Amino acid sequence: MEIFCSTIIPTVNRSTLSQTVRSVLDQDFHRAGFEVIVVNDSGQPLPDTDWQHAEQVRVITTYRHERSVARNTGAAIARGKYFHFLDDDDLFLPGALEAFWKLDQTSPAAWLYGSYQTIDNDGNLVEEIHPEISGNIFAYLVASEGIPFQVSLLRSTEFFAAGMYDPNLIGVEDRDLGRRIARLGEVVWMPTIVAQIRIGQVGSTTDWSKLAERDRQGREKALNQPCALSRLQHSAQVDNFLRGRICRAYLASSLWNLQHRNYFIAASRLTSMLAVTGPNILSGAYWRGLRTRIKRLNENWN
């Protein structure tokens, strides 16, 4: 049977792992096959549990290589048309796979995603989020918005074409990869709530103090991509506020490159900023976008 989705779960053996795996295995989905790849990056054997013996599950081991390497390792052996990256403390909600399969039948894309809920460390509902954007969303992501991969299915062909996860950008790896995938293809949203994402830093392996600089590096990667400017212009062509957000990103990039003595790149960023601005310099929405600060790394988007 064709494998529709490979859910890849890197783990450091948190107590929530079994619940996370079960949330995928308990999906009532029979239209195609699905699999769960658990990547044990804890450095210790996982306790033996019943889900490890399910036919859809494979467990592989890395050794304290952090999430990006673990996810890339899982993707390398995955067989699904789409990849789903789920953290070991988050939950895939009932009916999610069925909803994604139906969406793929009508709107196949490089990136499918749904609405979601955030929960605290005790499992209490914090917020319900419906992003409601589809199509070419490259500009949104360069402007430092983000869509969680826990609620996303990424088509495997685009995942590999984009270059997979960058292990050097720990903590901002999803945002970085999302930008690269959005440059390559279209994104489709559906209103179905597909996952619960746990927020908070309990049990996290992220070094939060280094995120801002790593995200700047990820932004530079996005702006350096072939045809990035034309893709950004197309993405923001009818939204002057978003044009302002993009120009702020170009301005921030120019200043960052000046600080690093990359003078030619700094100048080219200003040139690109002017190209994006065009006649929109007279628009109030453009100036509101230009004044809107870049979102911090641990803020949710809604």
C-alpha atoms as a PDB file:
ATOM      1  CA  MET A   1       0.000   0.000   0.000  1.00  0.00           C
ATOM      2  CA  GLU A   2       1.230   3.491  -0.831  1.00  0.00           C
ATOM      3  CA  ILE A   3       2.493   5.402   2.202  1.00  0.00           C
ATOM      4  CA  PHE A   4       0.685   8.727   2.324  1.00  0.00           C
ATOM      5  CA  CYS A   5       2.388  10.201   5.396  1.00  0.00           C
ATOM      6  CA  SER A   6       5.524   9.532   7.417  1.00  0.00           C
ATOM      7  CA  THR A   7       5.358  11.080  10.887  1.00  0.00           C
ATOM      8  CA  ILE A   8       8.882  11.635  12.193  1.00  0.00           C
ATOM      9  CA  ILE A   9       9.257  12.115  15.947  1.00  0.00           C
ATOM     10  CA  PRO A  10      12.687  12.979  17.357  1.00  0.00           C
ATOM     11  CA  THR A  11      12.839  12.267  21.060  1.00  0.00           C
ATOM     12  CA  VAL A  12      15.014  12.674  24.122  1.00  0.00           C
ATOM     13  CA  ASN A  13      12.739  10.170  25.881  1.00  0.00           C
ATOM     14  CA  ARG A  14      10.345  12.634  27.458  1.00  0.00           C
ATOM     15  CA  SER A  15       7.523  11.163  29.504  1.00  0.00           C
ATOM     16  CA  THR A  16       5.010  12.381  26.901  1.00  0.00           C
ATOM     17  CA  LEU A  17       6.494  10.322  24.039  1.00  0.00           C
ATOM     18  CA  SER A  18       4.071   7.404  24.278  1.00  0.00           C
ATOM     19  CA  GLN A  19       1.066   9.724  24.229  1.00  0.00           C
ATOM     20  CA  THR A  20       2.487  11.495  21.180  1.00  0.00           C
ATOM     21  CA  VAL A  21       3.084   8.264  19.258  1.00  0.00           C
ATOM     22  CA  ARG A  22      -0.353   6.963  20.202  1.00  0.00           C
ATOM     23  CA  SER A  23      -1.982  10.128  18.871  1.00  0.00           C
ATOM     24  CA  VAL A  24      -0.705   9.130  15.426  1.00  0.00           C
ATOM     25  CA  LEU A  25      -1.291   5.382  15.649  1.00  0.00           C
ATOM     26  CA  ASP A  26      -4.887   5.936  16.795  1.00  0.00           C
ATOM     27  CA  GLN A  27      -5.788   7.852  13.624  1.00  0.00           C
ATOM     28  CA  ASP A  28      -8.840   6.292  11.948  1.00  0.00           C
ATOM     29  CA  PHE A  29      -7.294   6.362   8.478  1.00  0.00           C
ATOM     30  CA  HIS A  30      -7.524   3.579   5.896  1.00  0.00           C
ATOM     31  CA  ARG A  31      -7.277   5.373   2.540  1.00  0.00           C
ATOM     32  CA  ALA A  32      -3.538   4.759   2.300  1.00  0.00           C
ATOM     33  CA  GLY A  33      -0.676   3.665   4.498  1.00  0.00           C
ATOM     34  CA  PHE A  34       1.045   5.767   7.130  1.00  0.00           C
ATOM     35  CA  GLU A  35       4.108   5.204   9.273  1.00  0.00           C
ATOM     36  CA  VAL A  36       5.720   6.554  12.430  1.00  0.00           C
ATOM     37  CA  ILE A  37       9.489   6.913  12.654  1.00  0.00           C
ATOM     38  CA  VAL A  38      10.738   7.572  16.182  1.00  0.00           C
ATOM     39  CA  VAL A  39      14.309   8.865  16.248  1.00  0.00           C
ATOM     40  CA  ASN A  40      15.823   8.251  19.667  1.00  0.00           C
ATOM     41  CA  ASP A  41      18.393  10.996  20.236  1.00  0.00           C
ATOM     42  CA  SER A  42      18.499  10.586  24.019  1.00  0.00           C
ATOM     43  CA  GLY A  43      21.711   8.587  24.145  1.00  0.00           C
ATOM     44  CA  GLN A  44      19.901   5.867  26.132  1.00  0.00           C
ATOM     45  CA  PRO A  45      17.660   2.954  25.085  1.00  0.00           C
ATOM     46  CA  LEU A  46      13.934   3.699  25.156  1.00  0.00           C
ATOM     47  CA  PRO A  47      11.870   1.740  27.685  1.00  0.00           C
ATOM     48  CA  ASP A  48      10.037  -1.115  25.978  1.00  0.00           C
ATOM     49  CA  THR A  49       6.428  -0.133  25.288  1.00  0.00           C
ATOM     50  CA  ASP A  50       3.615  -1.681  23.266  1.00  0.00           C
ATOM     51  CA  TRP A  51       3.639   0.933  20.500  1.00  0.00           C
ATOM     52  CA  GLN A  52       7.197  -0.037  19.550  1.00  0.00           C
ATOM     53  CA  HIS A  53       5.802  -3.336  18.256  1.00  0.00           C
ATOM     54  CA  ALA A  54       3.138  -1.781  15.998  1.00  0.00           C
ATOM     55  CA  GLU A  55       3.676  -2.565  12.323  1.00  0.00           C
ATOM     56  CA  GLN A  56       3.582   1.138  11.393  1.00  0.00           C
ATOM     57  CA  VAL A  57       6.419   2.048  13.779  1.00  0.00           C
ATOM     58  CA  ARG A  58      10.161   2.066  13.244  1.00  0.00           C
ATOM     59  CA  VAL A  59      12.595   3.185  15.942  1.00  0.00           C
ATOM     60  CA  ILE A  60      16.077   4.331  14.966  1.00  0.00           C
ATOM     61  CA  THR A  61      18.864   5.778  17.080  1.00  0.00           C
ATOM     62  CA  THR A  62      21.072   8.821  16.781  1.00  0.00           C
ATOM     63  CA  TYR A  63      23.293   9.940  19.629  1.00  0.00           C
ATOM     64  CA  ARG A  64      22.745  13.447  21.016  1.00  0.00           C
ATOM     65  CA  HIS A  65      22.933  15.090  17.600  1.00  0.00           C
ATOM     66  CA  GLU A  66      20.031  17.509  18.237  1.00  0.00           C
ATOM     67  CA  ARG A  67      16.709  17.721  16.447  1.00  0.00           C
ATOM     68  CA  SER A  68      17.736  18.669  12.924  1.00  0.00           C
ATOM     69  CA  VAL A  69      20.069  15.711  12.483  1.00  0.00           C
ATOM     70  CA  ALA A  70      17.477  13.411  14.049  1.00  0.00           C
ATOM     71  CA  ARG A  71      14.767  14.669  11.698  1.00  0.00           C
ATOM     72  CA  ASN A  72      16.985  14.415   8.626  1.00  0.00           C
ATOM     73  CA  THR A  73      17.927  10.880   9.649  1.00  0.00           C
ATOM     74  CA  GLY A  74      14.267   9.940   9.962  1.00  0.00           C
ATOM     75  CA  ALA A  75      13.431  11.543   6.625  1.00  0.00           C
ATOM     76  CA  ALA A  76      16.232   9.602   4.925  1.00  0.00           C
ATOM     77  CA  ILE A  77      14.458   6.308   5.587  1.00  0.00           C
ATOM     78  CA  ALA A  78      10.864   7.585   5.334  1.00  0.00           C
ATOM     79  CA  ARG A  79       8.635   6.274   2.551  1.00  0.00           C
ATOM     80  CA  GLY A  80       5.742   8.719   2.666  1.00  0.00           C
ATOM     81  CA  LYS A  81       4.562  11.113  -0.017  1.00  0.00           C
ATOM     82  CA  TYR A  82       4.423  13.700   2.763  1.00  0.00           C
ATOM     83  CA  PHE A  83       6.555  14.139   5.874  1.00  0.00           C
ATOM     84  CA  HIS A  84       5.047  15.198   9.199  1.00  0.00           C
ATOM     85  CA  PHE A  85       7.459  16.364  11.906  1.00  0.00           C
ATOM     86  CA  LEU A  86       5.963  16.039  15.368  1.00  0.00           C
ATOM     87  CA  ASP A  87       7.692  16.887  18.652  1.00  0.00           C
ATOM     88  CA  ASP A  88       7.617  14.269  21.395  1.00  0.00           C
ATOM     89  CA  ASP A  89       5.335  16.340  23.633  1.00  0.00           C
ATOM     90  CA  ASP A  90       2.718  17.375  21.053  1.00  0.00           C
ATOM     91  CA  LEU A  91      -0.460  15.625  19.887  1.00  0.00           C
ATOM     92  CA  PHE A  92      -1.935  14.802  16.486  1.00  0.00           C
ATOM     93  CA  LEU A  93      -5.712  15.119  16.856  1.00  0.00           C
ATOM     94  CA  PRO A  94      -8.283  12.513  15.741  1.00  0.00           C
ATOM     95  CA  GLY A  95      -9.273  12.823  12.084  1.00  0.00           C
ATOM     96  CA  ALA A  96      -6.186  14.814  11.110  1.00  0.00           C
ATOM     97  CA  LEU A  97      -4.776  12.288   8.624  1.00  0.00           C
ATOM     98  CA  GLU A  98      -8.166  11.817   6.960  1.00  0.00           C
ATOM     99  CA  ALA A  99      -8.537  15.589   6.608  1.00  0.00           C
ATOM    100  CA  PHE A 100      -5.052  15.925   5.130  1.00  0.00           C
ATOM    101  CA  TRP A 101      -5.700  13.092   2.667  1.00  0.00           C
ATOM    102  CA  LYS A 102      -8.889  14.791   1.443  1.00  0.00           C
ATOM    103  CA  LEU A 103      -7.030  18.102   1.120  1.00  0.00           C
ATOM    104  CA  ASP A 104      -4.324  16.421  -0.958  1.00  0.00           C
ATOM    105  CA  GLN A 105      -6.956  15.008  -3.320  1.00  0.00           C
ATOM    106  CA  THR A 106      -8.320  18.469  -4.106  1.00  0.00           C
ATOM    107  CA  SER A 107      -5.342  20.771  -3.517  1.00  0.00           C
ATOM    108  CA  PRO A 108      -1.991  18.959  -3.691  1.00  0.00           C
ATOM    109  CA  ALA A 109       0.828  21.293  -2.725  1.00  0.00           C
ATOM    110  CA  ALA A 110       4.374  21.448  -1.425  1.00  0.00           C
ATOM    111  CA  TRP A 111       3.020  22.187   2.036  1.00  0.00           C
ATOM    112  CA  LEU A 112      -0.362  21.361   3.573  1.00  0.00           C
ATOM    113  CA  TYR A 113      -1.332  22.605   7.023  1.00  0.00           C
ATOM    114  CA  GLY A 114      -4.274  23.048   9.340  1.00  0.00           C
ATOM    115  CA  SER A 115      -5.423  25.057  12.317  1.00  0.00           C
ATOM    116  CA  TYR A 116      -4.200  24.157  15.778  1.00  0.00           C
ATOM    117  CA  GLN A 117      -4.427  24.645  19.510  1.00  0.00           C
ATOM    118  CA  THR A 118      -1.695  25.535  21.957  1.00  0.00           C
ATOM    119  CA  ILE A 119      -1.681  23.939  25.397  1.00  0.00           C
ATOM    120  CA  ASP A 120       0.381  24.549  28.521  1.00  0.00           C
ATOM    121  CA  ASN A 121       2.608  22.009  30.242  1.00  0.00           C
ATOM    122  CA  ASP A 122      -0.403  20.680  32.171  1.00  0.00           C
ATOM    123  CA  GLY A 123      -2.425  20.131  28.993  1.00  0.00           C
ATOM    124  CA  ASN A 124      -4.744  23.118  29.473  1.00  0.00           C
ATOM    125  CA  LEU A 125      -5.945  24.935  26.362  1.00  0.00           C
ATOM    126  CA  VAL A 126      -4.197  28.275  25.843  1.00  0.00           C
ATOM    127  CA  GLU A 127      -5.289  29.397  22.395  1.00  0.00           C
ATOM    128  CA  GLU A 128      -6.858  28.224  19.140  1.00  0.00           C
ATOM    129  CA  ILE A 129      -5.132  29.504  16.018  1.00  0.00           C
ATOM    130  CA  HIS A 130      -6.448  29.733  12.442  1.00  0.00           C
ATOM    131  CA  PRO A 131      -3.746  31.297  10.207  1.00  0.00           C
ATOM    132  CA  GLU A 132      -5.962  31.312   7.066  1.00  0.00           C
ATOM    133  CA  ILE A 133      -3.288  31.991   4.453  1.00  0.00           C
ATOM    134  CA  SER A 134      -2.486  29.911   1.393  1.00  0.00           C
ATOM    135  CA  GLY A 135      -0.635  30.174  -1.896  1.00  0.00           C
ATOM    136  CA  ASN A 136       2.738  31.860  -2.145  1.00  0.00           C
ATOM    137  CA  ILE A 137       3.488  32.681   1.493  1.00  0.00           C
ATOM    138  CA  PHE A 138       7.225  33.267   1.058  1.00  0.00           C
ATOM    139  CA  ALA A 139       6.878  36.935   2.013  1.00  0.00           C
ATOM    140  CA  TYR A 140       5.083  36.105   5.265  1.00  0.00           C
ATOM    141  CA  LEU A 141       7.879  33.785   6.327  1.00  0.00           C
ATOM    142  CA  VAL A 142      10.681  36.163   5.370  1.00  0.00           C
ATOM    143  CA  ALA A 143       8.824  38.779   7.439  1.00  0.00           C
ATOM    144  CA  SER A 144       9.361  36.368  10.379  1.00  0.00           C
ATOM    145  CA  GLU A 145       5.915  34.871  10.632  1.00  0.00           C
ATOM    146  CA  GLY A 146       5.770  31.116  10.982  1.00  0.00           C
ATOM    147  CA  ILE A 147       3.634  28.008  10.593  1.00  0.00           C
ATOM    148  CA  PRO A 148       4.378  25.132  12.968  1.00  0.00           C
ATOM    149  CA  PHE A 149       5.494  21.928  11.289  1.00  0.00           C
ATOM    150  CA  GLN A 150       3.567  19.933  13.904  1.00  0.00           C
ATOM    151  CA  VAL A 151       0.408  20.971  12.012  1.00  0.00           C
ATOM    152  CA  SER A 152       1.948  20.590   8.552  1.00  0.00           C
ATOM    153  CA  LEU A 153       2.551  17.938   5.935  1.00  0.00           C
ATOM    154  CA  LEU A 154       5.588  18.689   3.754  1.00  0.00           C
ATOM    155  CA  ARG A 155       5.802  16.955   0.397  1.00  0.00           C
ATOM    156  CA  SER A 156       8.928  14.820   0.383  1.00  0.00           C
ATOM    157  CA  THR A 157      10.128  16.008  -3.035  1.00  0.00           C
ATOM    158  CA  GLU A 158      10.200  19.640  -1.907  1.00  0.00           C
ATOM    159  CA  PHE A 159      11.700  18.722   1.458  1.00  0.00           C
ATOM    160  CA  PHE A 160      14.741  17.201  -0.227  1.00  0.00           C
ATOM    161  CA  ALA A 161      14.881  19.845  -2.974  1.00  0.00           C
ATOM    162  CA  ALA A 162      14.986  22.563  -0.300  1.00  0.00           C
ATOM    163  CA  GLY A 163      18.022  20.929   1.301  1.00  0.00           C
ATOM    164  CA  MET A 164      16.402  19.366   4.397  1.00  0.00           C
ATOM    165  CA  TYR A 165      17.045  20.749   7.894  1.00  0.00           C
ATOM    166  CA  ASP A 166      20.114  22.880   8.579  1.00  0.00           C
ATOM    167  CA  PRO A 167      21.799  21.473  11.731  1.00  0.00           C
ATOM    168  CA  ASN A 168      23.587  24.798  12.268  1.00  0.00           C
ATOM    169  CA  LEU A 169      20.364  26.699  12.969  1.00  0.00           C
ATOM    170  CA  ILE A 170      19.231  24.935  16.127  1.00  0.00           C
ATOM    171  CA  GLY A 171      16.045  26.438  17.512  1.00  0.00           C
ATOM    172  CA  VAL A 172      15.039  28.208  14.294  1.00  0.00           C
ATOM    173  CA  GLU A 173      15.334  25.170  12.038  1.00  0.00           C
ATOM    174  CA  ASP A 174      11.610  25.005  11.227  1.00  0.00           C
ATOM    175  CA  ARG A 175      11.391  28.654  10.249  1.00  0.00           C
ATOM    176  CA  ASP A 176      14.509  28.333   8.094  1.00  0.00           C
ATOM    177  CA  LEU A 177      13.283  25.232   6.262  1.00  0.00           C
ATOM    178  CA  GLY A 178       9.808  26.710   5.892  1.00  0.00           C
ATOM    179  CA  ARG A 179      11.195  29.704   4.038  1.00  0.00           C
ATOM    180  CA  ARG A 180      13.113  27.473   1.641  1.00  0.00           C
ATOM    181  CA  ILE A 181      10.110  25.254   0.926  1.00  0.00           C
ATOM    182  CA  ALA A 182       7.786  28.239   0.454  1.00  0.00           C
ATOM    183  CA  ARG A 183      10.166  29.622  -2.158  1.00  0.00           C
ATOM    184  CA  LEU A 184       9.792  26.401  -4.142  1.00  0.00           C
ATOM    185  CA  GLY A 185       6.060  25.776  -4.029  1.00  0.00           C
ATOM    186  CA  GLU A 186       2.572  26.651  -2.899  1.00  0.00           C
ATOM    187  CA  VAL A 187       1.068  26.239   0.565  1.00  0.00           C
ATOM    188  CA  VAL A 188      -2.539  25.206   1.284  1.00  0.00           C
ATOM    189  CA  TRP A 189      -4.388  25.743   4.586  1.00  0.00           C
ATOM    190  CA  MET A 190      -7.521  24.027   5.872  1.00  0.00           C
ATOM    191  CA  PRO A 191      -9.622  25.078   8.888  1.00  0.00           C
ATOM    192  CA  THR A 192      -9.593  21.628  10.537  1.00  0.00           C
ATOM    193  CA  ILE A 193      -7.808  21.662  13.906  1.00  0.00           C
ATOM    194  CA  VAL A 194      -5.163  18.984  13.435  1.00  0.00           C
ATOM    195  CA  ALA A 195      -2.824  19.191  16.427  1.00  0.00           C
ATOM    196  CA  GLN A 196      -2.176  20.450  19.926  1.00  0.00           C
ATOM    197  CA  ILE A 197       1.199  22.093  20.464  1.00  0.00           C
ATOM    198  CA  ARG A 198       2.671  22.332  23.925  1.00  0.00           C
ATOM    199  CA  ILE A 199       4.194  25.721  24.690  1.00  0.00           C
ATOM    200  CA  GLY A 200       6.771  26.413  27.361  1.00  0.00           C
ATOM    201  CA  GLN A 201      10.381  25.501  27.918  1.00  0.00           C
ATOM    202  CA  VAL A 202      10.003  22.515  30.266  1.00  0.00           C
ATOM    203  CA  GLY A 203      12.131  19.687  28.895  1.00  0.00           C
ATOM    204  CA  SER A 204      13.224  21.740  25.888  1.00  0.00           C
ATOM    205  CA  THR A 205      16.703  21.196  24.419  1.00  0.00           C
ATOM    206  CA  THR A 206      16.756  24.669  22.846  1.00  0.00           C
ATOM    207  CA  ASP A 207      19.371  27.257  23.847  1.00  0.00           C
ATOM    208  CA  TRP A 208      17.039  30.268  23.771  1.00  0.00           C
ATOM    209  CA  SER A 209      19.840  32.826  24.152  1.00  0.00           C
ATOM    210  CA  LYS A 210      21.169  32.173  20.641  1.00  0.00           C
ATOM    211  CA  LEU A 211      17.941  32.163  18.661  1.00  0.00           C
ATOM    212  CA  ALA A 212      17.873  35.759  17.438  1.00  0.00           C
ATOM    213  CA  GLU A 213      21.248  35.601  15.714  1.00  0.00           C
ATOM    214  CA  ARG A 214      20.492  32.206  14.203  1.00  0.00           C
ATOM    215  CA  ASP A 215      17.230  33.530  12.810  1.00  0.00           C
ATOM    216  CA  ARG A 216      19.100  36.418  11.205  1.00  0.00           C
ATOM    217  CA  GLN A 217      21.358  33.847   9.567  1.00  0.00           C
ATOM    218  CA  GLY A 218      18.281  31.985   8.341  1.00  0.00           C
ATOM    219  CA  ARG A 219      16.851  35.207   6.927  1.00  0.00           C
ATOM    220  CA  GLU A 220      20.099  35.773   5.023  1.00  0.00           C
ATOM    221  CA  LYS A 221      19.845  32.274   3.555  1.00  0.00           C
ATOM    222  CA  ALA A 222      16.312  33.013   2.350  1.00  0.00           C
ATOM    223  CA  LEU A 223      17.236  36.336   0.759  1.00  0.00           C
ATOM    224  CA  ASN A 224      20.232  34.723  -0.948  1.00  0.00           C
ATOM    225  CA  GLN A 225      18.089  32.049  -2.617  1.00  0.00           C
ATOM    226  CA  PRO A 226      17.785  32.168  -6.433  1.00  0.00           C
ATOM    227  CA  CYS A 227      14.825  34.293  -7.548  1.00  0.00           C
ATOM    228  CA  ALA A 228      14.057  35.272  -3.947  1.00  0.00           C
ATOM    229  CA  LEU A 229      13.247  38.876  -4.874  1.00  0.00           C
ATOM    230  CA  SER A 230      10.778  37.959  -7.622  1.00  0.00           C
ATOM    231  CA  ARG A 231       9.126  35.374  -5.385  1.00  0.00           C
ATOM    232  CA  LEU A 232       8.765  37.959  -2.615  1.00  0.00           C
ATOM    233  CA  GLN A 233       7.297  40.532  -4.984  1.00  0.00           C
ATOM    234  CA  HIS A 234       4.754  38.018  -6.240  1.00  0.00           C
ATOM    235  CA  SER A 235       3.869  36.971  -2.695  1.00  0.00           C
ATOM    236  CA  ALA A 236       3.206  40.542  -1.558  1.00  0.00           C
ATOM    237  CA  GLN A 237       1.902  42.014  -4.805  1.00  0.00           C
ATOM    238  CA  VAL A 238      -1.563  42.969  -3.520  1.00  0.00           C
ATOM    239  CA  ASP A 239      -0.667  43.681   0.110  1.00  0.00           C
ATOM    240  CA  ASN A 240       1.088  46.965   0.819  1.00  0.00           C
ATOM    241  CA  PHE A 241       1.356  46.173   4.529  1.00  0.00           C
ATOM    242  CA  LEU A 242       3.237  42.990   3.685  1.00  0.00           C
ATOM    243  CA  ARG A 243       5.451  44.931   1.285  1.00  0.00           C
ATOM    244  CA  GLY A 244       6.376  47.133   4.211  1.00  0.00           C
ATOM    245  CA  ARG A 245       7.193  44.071   6.306  1.00  0.00           C
ATOM    246  CA  ILE A 246       9.465  42.750   3.544  1.00  0.00           C
ATOM    247  CA  CYS A 247      11.211  46.090   3.239  1.00  0.00           C
ATOM    248  CA  ARG A 248      11.852  46.052   6.971  1.00  0.00           C
ATOM    249  CA  ALA A 249      13.457  42.617   6.553  1.00  0.00           C
ATOM    250  CA  TYR A 250      15.645  43.934   3.721  1.00  0.00           C
ATOM    251  CA  LEU A 251      16.603  46.976   5.808  1.00  0.00           C
ATOM    252  CA  ALA A 252      17.473  44.795   8.806  1.00  0.00           C
ATOM    253  CA  SER A 253      19.518  42.556   6.520  1.00  0.00           C
ATOM    254  CA  SER A 254      21.384  45.538   5.100  1.00  0.00           C
ATOM    255  CA  LEU A 255      22.308  46.755   8.594  1.00  0.00           C
ATOM    256  CA  TRP A 256      23.330  43.234   9.650  1.00  0.00           C
ATOM    257  CA  ASN A 257      25.603  42.907   6.622  1.00  0.00           C
ATOM    258  CA  LEU A 258      27.126  46.324   7.274  1.00  0.00           C
ATOM    259  CA  GLN A 259      28.013  45.168  10.785  1.00  0.00           C
ATOM    260  CA  HIS A 260      29.675  42.102   9.269  1.00  0.00           C
ATOM    261  CA  ARG A 261      31.467  44.220   6.628  1.00  0.00           C
ATOM    262  CA  ASN A 262      29.612  42.625   3.738  1.00  0.00           C
ATOM    263  CA  TYR A 263      29.295  45.975   2.000  1.00  0.00           C
ATOM    264  CA  PHE A 264      28.248  44.748  -1.437  1.00  0.00           C
ATOM    265  CA  ILE A 265      25.472  42.582   0.019  1.00  0.00           C
ATOM    266  CA  ALA A 266      24.329  45.466   2.245  1.00  0.00           C
ATOM    267  CA  ALA A 267      24.011  47.711  -0.808  1.00  0.00           C
ATOM    268  CA  SER A 268      22.177  45.035  -2.796  1.00  0.00           C
ATOM    269  CA  ARG A 269      19.662  44.620   0.029  1.00  0.00           C
ATOM    270  CA  LEU A 270      18.842  48.331  -0.139  1.00  0.00           C
ATOM    271  CA  THR A 271      18.428  48.062  -3.909  1.00  0.00           C
ATOM    272  CA  SER A 272      16.018  45.154  -3.447  1.00  0.00           C
ATOM    273  CA  MET A 273      14.154  47.124  -0.792  1.00  0.00           C
ATOM    274  CA  LEU A 274      13.593  49.954  -3.266  1.00  0.00           C
ATOM    275  CA  ALA A 275      12.404  47.460  -5.890  1.00  0.00           C
ATOM    276  CA  VAL A 276       9.818  46.073  -3.473  1.00  0.00           C
ATOM    277  CA  THR A 277       8.729  49.550  -2.377  1.00  0.00           C
ATOM    278  CA  GLY A 278       8.074  51.059  -5.812  1.00  0.00           C
ATOM    279  CA  PRO A 279       5.113  53.457  -5.859  1.00  0.00           C
ATOM    280  CA  ASN A 280       3.811  51.956  -2.621  1.00  0.00           C
ATOM    281  CA  ILE A 281       5.897  54.482  -0.717  1.00  0.00           C
ATOM    282  CA  LEU A 282       2.777  56.670  -0.701  1.00  0.00           C
ATOM    283  CA  SER A 283       0.656  53.998   0.988  1.00  0.00           C
ATOM    284  CA  GLY A 284      -0.147  54.245   4.681  1.00  0.00           C
ATOM    285  CA  ALA A 285      -0.345  50.451   4.892  1.00  0.00           C
ATOM    286  CA  TYR A 286       3.202  50.206   3.551  1.00  0.00           C
ATOM    287  CA  TRP A 287       4.521  52.487   6.295  1.00  0.00           C
ATOM    288  CA  ARG A 288       2.625  50.561   8.973  1.00  0.00           C
ATOM    289  CA  GLY A 289       4.289  47.403   7.716  1.00  0.00           C
ATOM    290  CA  LEU A 290       7.686  49.053   7.681  1.00  0.00           C
ATOM    291  CA  ARG A 291       7.246  50.107  11.320  1.00  0.00           C
ATOM    292  CA  THR A 292       6.092  46.645  12.465  1.00  0.00           C
ATOM    293  CA  ARG A 293       8.898  44.989  14.361  1.00  0.00           C
ATOM    294  CA  ILE A 294      10.167  41.554  13.444  1.00  0.00           C
ATOM    295  CA  LYS A 295       8.538  38.915  15.630  1.00  0.00           C
ATOM    296  CA  ARG A 296      10.561  37.357  18.419  1.00  0.00           C
ATOM    297  CA  LEU A 297      11.426  33.699  18.056  1.00  0.00           C
ATOM    298  CA  ASN A 298       9.284  32.349  20.887  1.00  0.00           C
ATOM    299  CA  GLU A 299       6.129  34.246  19.914  1.00  0.00           C
ATOM    300  CA  ASN A 300       3.210  32.459  18.287  1.00  0.00           C
ATOM    301  CA  TRP A 301       1.618  33.722  15.114  1.00  0.00           C
ATOM    302  CA  ASN A 302      -2.098  34.194  14.850  1.00  0.00           C
END
